[in-house]
N, C-alpha and C. Protein backbone atom coordinates (compact mmCIF):
# COMPACT_ATOMS: atom_id res chain seq x y z
N UNK A 1 56.35 103.33 47.77
CA UNK A 1 57.06 104.36 47.03
C UNK A 1 56.06 105.07 46.11
N UNK A 2 56.00 106.37 46.19
CA UNK A 2 55.14 107.15 45.30
C UNK A 2 55.70 107.09 43.89
N UNK A 3 54.79 107.01 42.90
CA UNK A 3 55.19 106.99 41.50
C UNK A 3 54.58 108.18 40.77
N UNK A 4 55.40 108.84 39.96
CA UNK A 4 54.93 109.96 39.15
C UNK A 4 55.31 109.66 37.71
N UNK A 5 54.31 109.76 36.82
CA UNK A 5 54.53 109.47 35.41
C UNK A 5 54.24 110.74 34.61
N UNK A 6 55.21 111.15 33.80
CA UNK A 6 55.06 112.29 32.90
C UNK A 6 54.84 111.75 31.49
N UNK A 7 53.67 112.05 30.92
CA UNK A 7 53.32 111.56 29.59
C UNK A 7 53.62 112.65 28.57
N UNK A 8 54.63 112.41 27.74
CA UNK A 8 55.08 113.44 26.81
C UNK A 8 54.21 113.54 25.55
N UNK A 9 53.14 112.77 25.49
CA UNK A 9 52.12 113.04 24.48
C UNK A 9 51.32 114.27 24.89
N UNK A 10 51.39 114.61 26.17
CA UNK A 10 50.67 115.77 26.70
C UNK A 10 51.59 116.92 27.10
N UNK A 11 52.88 116.70 26.97
CA UNK A 11 53.88 117.71 27.31
C UNK A 11 54.67 118.02 26.05
N UNK A 12 54.55 119.26 25.56
CA UNK A 12 55.20 119.61 24.31
C UNK A 12 56.41 120.50 24.46
N UNK A 13 56.45 121.26 25.55
CA UNK A 13 57.53 122.21 25.76
C UNK A 13 58.09 122.06 27.18
N UNK A 14 59.24 122.66 27.39
CA UNK A 14 59.84 122.65 28.73
C UNK A 14 58.93 123.39 29.71
N UNK A 15 58.32 124.48 29.27
CA UNK A 15 57.38 125.21 30.14
C UNK A 15 56.20 124.32 30.53
N UNK A 16 55.69 123.54 29.57
CA UNK A 16 54.62 122.58 29.89
C UNK A 16 55.10 121.60 30.96
N UNK A 17 56.32 121.11 30.81
CA UNK A 17 56.86 120.16 31.78
C UNK A 17 56.88 120.77 33.18
N UNK A 18 57.37 122.00 33.30
CA UNK A 18 57.46 122.62 34.62
C UNK A 18 56.09 122.81 35.26
N UNK A 19 55.07 123.13 34.47
CA UNK A 19 53.71 123.27 35.00
C UNK A 19 53.22 121.94 35.57
N UNK A 20 53.43 120.87 34.82
CA UNK A 20 53.00 119.54 35.28
C UNK A 20 53.86 119.10 36.47
N UNK A 21 55.15 119.33 36.40
CA UNK A 21 56.05 118.92 37.48
C UNK A 21 55.71 119.61 38.80
N UNK A 22 55.37 120.88 38.73
CA UNK A 22 55.03 121.61 39.95
C UNK A 22 53.85 120.94 40.66
N UNK A 23 52.87 120.53 39.87
CA UNK A 23 51.68 119.89 40.45
C UNK A 23 51.99 118.46 40.89
N UNK A 24 52.57 117.66 40.00
CA UNK A 24 52.75 116.23 40.27
C UNK A 24 53.81 115.94 41.34
N UNK A 25 54.85 116.75 41.37
CA UNK A 25 55.91 116.55 42.37
C UNK A 25 55.67 117.37 43.64
N UNK A 26 54.56 118.14 43.62
CA UNK A 26 54.20 118.98 44.77
C UNK A 26 55.36 119.91 45.13
N UNK A 27 55.86 120.61 44.11
CA UNK A 27 56.97 121.53 44.31
C UNK A 27 56.51 122.77 45.06
N UNK A 28 57.42 123.42 45.78
CA UNK A 28 57.03 124.58 46.58
C UNK A 28 56.56 125.75 45.71
N UNK A 29 55.78 126.61 46.29
CA UNK A 29 55.22 127.76 45.58
C UNK A 29 56.30 128.62 44.95
N UNK A 30 57.43 128.72 45.59
CA UNK A 30 58.52 129.57 45.10
C UNK A 30 59.37 128.91 44.01
N UNK A 31 58.98 127.71 43.55
CA UNK A 31 59.74 126.99 42.53
C UNK A 31 60.01 127.87 41.33
N UNK A 32 61.28 127.90 40.86
CA UNK A 32 61.72 128.85 39.86
C UNK A 32 61.62 128.43 38.41
N UNK A 33 61.12 127.25 38.10
CA UNK A 33 60.93 126.79 36.72
C UNK A 33 62.21 126.84 35.89
N UNK A 34 63.28 126.30 36.45
CA UNK A 34 64.53 126.16 35.72
C UNK A 34 65.27 124.94 36.27
N UNK A 35 66.32 124.53 35.60
CA UNK A 35 67.02 123.31 35.99
C UNK A 35 67.62 123.38 37.39
N UNK A 36 68.18 124.52 37.75
CA UNK A 36 68.77 124.66 39.09
C UNK A 36 67.71 124.53 40.18
N UNK A 37 66.57 125.17 39.97
CA UNK A 37 65.47 125.09 40.94
C UNK A 37 64.92 123.67 41.01
N UNK A 38 64.83 123.01 39.86
CA UNK A 38 64.34 121.63 39.85
C UNK A 38 65.29 120.72 40.62
N UNK A 39 66.58 120.88 40.40
CA UNK A 39 67.57 120.08 41.14
C UNK A 39 67.42 120.31 42.65
N UNK A 40 67.34 121.57 43.05
CA UNK A 40 67.20 121.88 44.47
C UNK A 40 65.94 121.25 45.06
N UNK A 41 64.85 121.28 44.30
CA UNK A 41 63.60 120.70 44.78
C UNK A 41 63.67 119.18 44.87
N UNK A 42 64.24 118.55 43.86
CA UNK A 42 64.32 117.08 43.87
C UNK A 42 65.22 116.60 45.00
N UNK A 43 66.31 117.30 45.23
CA UNK A 43 67.27 116.85 46.24
C UNK A 43 67.01 117.43 47.63
N UNK A 44 65.94 118.23 47.77
CA UNK A 44 65.72 118.79 49.09
C UNK A 44 64.28 119.07 49.49
N UNK A 45 63.39 119.23 48.54
CA UNK A 45 62.02 119.64 48.88
C UNK A 45 60.97 118.55 48.74
N UNK A 46 61.18 117.60 47.84
CA UNK A 46 60.12 116.62 47.59
C UNK A 46 60.21 115.45 48.56
N UNK A 47 59.06 114.81 48.76
CA UNK A 47 59.00 113.65 49.65
C UNK A 47 59.59 112.44 48.93
N UNK A 48 60.45 111.76 49.63
CA UNK A 48 61.06 110.53 49.12
C UNK A 48 60.58 109.37 49.98
N UNK A 49 60.57 108.16 49.50
CA UNK A 49 61.06 107.70 48.21
C UNK A 49 60.09 108.04 47.08
N UNK A 50 60.65 108.11 45.86
CA UNK A 50 59.88 108.51 44.69
C UNK A 50 60.41 107.80 43.45
N UNK A 51 59.49 107.38 42.61
CA UNK A 51 59.82 106.79 41.32
C UNK A 51 59.23 107.69 40.24
N UNK A 52 60.06 108.11 39.28
CA UNK A 52 59.62 109.00 38.20
C UNK A 52 59.83 108.31 36.87
N UNK A 53 58.81 108.41 36.02
CA UNK A 53 58.90 107.87 34.67
C UNK A 53 58.52 108.95 33.67
N UNK A 54 59.29 109.03 32.60
CA UNK A 54 58.94 109.84 31.44
C UNK A 54 58.50 108.82 30.38
N UNK A 55 57.27 108.96 29.89
CA UNK A 55 56.77 108.01 28.89
C UNK A 55 56.36 108.75 27.62
N UNK A 56 56.38 108.01 26.53
CA UNK A 56 55.95 108.51 25.22
C UNK A 56 56.77 109.69 24.72
N UNK A 57 58.07 109.67 24.97
CA UNK A 57 58.94 110.71 24.42
C UNK A 57 59.25 110.32 22.97
N UNK A 58 58.97 111.24 22.06
CA UNK A 58 59.26 110.95 20.65
C UNK A 58 60.74 111.26 20.37
N UNK A 59 61.23 110.71 19.31
CA UNK A 59 62.62 110.96 18.92
C UNK A 59 62.86 112.45 18.71
N UNK A 60 61.87 113.16 18.20
CA UNK A 60 62.03 114.59 17.96
C UNK A 60 62.04 115.39 19.26
N UNK A 61 61.48 114.84 20.33
CA UNK A 61 61.46 115.53 21.62
C UNK A 61 62.75 115.31 22.43
N UNK A 62 63.51 114.31 22.08
CA UNK A 62 64.69 113.98 22.89
C UNK A 62 65.63 115.17 23.07
N UNK A 63 65.90 115.89 22.00
CA UNK A 63 66.81 117.02 22.10
C UNK A 63 66.24 118.11 23.01
N UNK A 64 64.94 118.37 22.89
CA UNK A 64 64.29 119.40 23.71
C UNK A 64 64.40 119.08 25.20
N UNK A 65 64.23 117.80 25.54
CA UNK A 65 64.17 117.40 26.95
C UNK A 65 65.45 116.72 27.44
N UNK A 66 66.51 116.79 26.66
CA UNK A 66 67.77 116.12 27.01
C UNK A 66 68.31 116.57 28.37
N UNK A 67 68.28 117.86 28.64
CA UNK A 67 68.83 118.35 29.91
C UNK A 67 67.98 117.90 31.10
N UNK A 68 66.66 117.84 30.91
CA UNK A 68 65.80 117.35 31.97
C UNK A 68 66.06 115.87 32.25
N UNK A 69 66.20 115.09 31.20
CA UNK A 69 66.49 113.66 31.36
C UNK A 69 67.81 113.48 32.10
N UNK A 70 68.82 114.24 31.72
CA UNK A 70 70.13 114.16 32.40
C UNK A 70 70.02 114.52 33.87
N UNK A 71 69.23 115.55 34.18
CA UNK A 71 69.06 115.97 35.57
C UNK A 71 68.42 114.85 36.39
N UNK A 72 67.38 114.22 35.85
CA UNK A 72 66.71 113.15 36.57
C UNK A 72 67.62 111.93 36.72
N UNK A 73 68.42 111.62 35.70
CA UNK A 73 69.38 110.52 35.81
C UNK A 73 70.41 110.81 36.90
N UNK A 74 70.90 112.03 36.94
CA UNK A 74 71.88 112.41 37.96
C UNK A 74 71.27 112.36 39.36
N UNK A 75 70.02 112.79 39.49
CA UNK A 75 69.34 112.72 40.79
C UNK A 75 69.20 111.27 41.24
N UNK A 76 68.90 110.37 40.32
CA UNK A 76 68.78 108.95 40.67
C UNK A 76 70.11 108.40 41.19
N UNK A 77 71.20 108.82 40.57
CA UNK A 77 72.53 108.40 41.05
C UNK A 77 72.82 108.97 42.43
N UNK A 78 72.50 110.24 42.61
CA UNK A 78 72.79 110.93 43.87
C UNK A 78 71.96 110.41 45.04
N UNK A 79 70.68 110.14 44.78
CA UNK A 79 69.76 109.81 45.87
C UNK A 79 69.61 108.32 46.11
N UNK A 80 70.20 107.51 45.26
CA UNK A 80 70.20 106.07 45.46
C UNK A 80 68.81 105.46 45.43
N UNK A 81 68.55 104.55 46.36
CA UNK A 81 67.30 103.79 46.38
C UNK A 81 66.07 104.65 46.66
N UNK A 82 66.25 105.86 47.15
CA UNK A 82 65.11 106.72 47.46
C UNK A 82 64.50 107.38 46.23
N UNK A 83 65.20 107.31 45.09
CA UNK A 83 64.72 108.00 43.89
C UNK A 83 65.10 107.18 42.66
N UNK A 84 64.10 106.77 41.90
CA UNK A 84 64.37 106.05 40.66
C UNK A 84 63.82 106.84 39.49
N UNK A 85 64.46 106.67 38.35
CA UNK A 85 64.05 107.37 37.14
C UNK A 85 64.22 106.46 35.93
N UNK A 86 63.19 106.44 35.09
CA UNK A 86 63.25 105.71 33.83
C UNK A 86 62.55 106.55 32.77
N UNK A 87 62.99 106.40 31.53
CA UNK A 87 62.26 107.05 30.44
C UNK A 87 62.09 106.08 29.29
N UNK A 88 60.98 106.26 28.59
CA UNK A 88 60.60 105.35 27.52
C UNK A 88 60.26 106.15 26.27
N UNK A 89 60.87 105.75 25.16
CA UNK A 89 60.57 106.40 23.90
C UNK A 89 59.21 105.94 23.39
N UNK A 90 58.55 106.84 22.70
CA UNK A 90 57.27 106.52 22.07
C UNK A 90 57.54 105.52 20.95
N UNK A 91 56.77 104.43 20.91
CA UNK A 91 56.97 103.46 19.83
C UNK A 91 56.71 104.09 18.46
N UNK A 92 57.54 103.72 17.51
CA UNK A 92 57.36 104.23 16.15
C UNK A 92 56.68 103.14 15.33
N UNK A 93 55.56 103.49 14.73
CA UNK A 93 54.81 102.51 13.94
C UNK A 93 54.91 102.84 12.49
């Protein structure tokens, strides 16, 4: 199973996320950089099986990336064993 890890110490905005996602998930050239296009790509364009992790998300970033997290959780439910998703908050010291 291919694994893709998104490190949110290096991703500050939703636009940053889409740039990294296009490369890491090998999204098609016509990818539209929005939630609908991401859903279509995850459920139809990317190679499965796939495991996706969001790491180092700070508490302040949760609101910014809430819709993306929800989309990936929904995709994991929809695609079953072919797609897994986990996210990890950045430890607070």
